[in-house]
Amino acid sequence: MPASDIPQDTQTSLERVLSYLQGVNPQRVACFPLILNHAARVLGVPVGKYNRNGETMGKAHVAAFRRYGNDLVSIFSTTSTLAEAMGTTMEFFDEDAPQIAGQPIQEYDDIKKINVPDFRRDGRLPVYLDATELAVSEVGSEVVVGTILAGPFTTAAALRPLDFFVKDLYKNPEWVHQLLEICCQAGIAFIDQILARRALPIIVEPIGSGSLVSPRHFKTFVAPYLKRMAAHIHENGGGLPAALHICGKTKPNLEAMLGADFDLWSLDAVDLGEARQIAGERVTLIGNVSPANLLKNSPEEIDAEAREVCAKAMGNPRGFILGSGCEVPINTPPANIDALINAARKYGRFDG
């Protein structure tokens, strides 16, 4: 379809997303490509600078919104944000996201060193909060600004080597619950900081993927703490929804995820038609064009994949938002992001 034939939006991004909260259909489905570190490319700055400077991070996301017209600004870099502020050390790169370099919990007694962080100075929490403030100030009247944080299970797994942590689920479950309690308190405190800046908290729990965690362990170690975070957003968010993203193969844990009481599920490697059958009338689905395909496929192929996703999920009773299954890769061609958003304009219409 020529660009001139793509239906034009008459709603703003904010109006479109508010339609979901009001229980009415928007003009067309919203589109949430998870633009994270790719925002540095749009601004033309090194990814390393984006990750270390709140003003740069905020400006990068404003630039990405101006370039693409995405319906969610997503302030984020890595799932280790909270863990870094609680003692995990990171290695930084000019042109890639930072990676974990060292974890503070090597022995069980090391848990005594772990505390809820000081959001004014610990780790790079001030970077994320400064970026949130700038983005809300610049474009918050036009688009939802979301700030992403890792859930308790993922934060715990960033504080302790993953192979140790997985064994702890079997060998020392009570100790795991002690660690998860600290991580949950830290997450709730961060949620309050995000809400105070008039942004939407978005919880990511990738280590809770069905690729890594069984439904039994999800119900025991993941869902109860996520449920507390969702309840806190419901009680203190002024009507904001509780949003959860889990990447990887989530199908085994979809039933268990319902117990966490989130309003929005952003899903990755799962058939949204199957997720729709499980979510029923309880959850708005978000997803799930493959990030790998966004990086390597053509715009025409992205258009076809997005059309198929829309066909499977448009009838979800609680609504559907087109998006990427996980983070838009840093070097994704801009034309592919355009193709994803234009697909929402073409195949996700409610106005006839």
Foldseek 3Di string as FASTA:
>chain_A
DDPVPQDDDPAFLVRQVVCLLVVHHGQFFAEAAFAELLLCVLVVFFSLVLQQAQVNVLVSQVSVCVVAVHQEREYDFDQQQQLQLFPFDWDTDRHHGIDTDGAQPADLVSLVSGAQGDCVDGGRSVSSLSSLLSNCVPCVVRHAYEYEYEALVSNLCSRYPVVVLVVCVPVPVVSLVVSSVRSLVNVLVSCVSNLVSVHHYEYEYQCLAVVHDALVCCLVRPQVSLLVSQVSCVVPVPSHFHHYEYEDHRVRNLLSNVSSQGAEYQAEPDQVLVSLVNCAQRHEYEDAAELVCQAPPDLVVLLVVLLVSCVRHCPRNSYYHYYHRDHNDNRGDPSNSNSSRSSSSVRGGDND
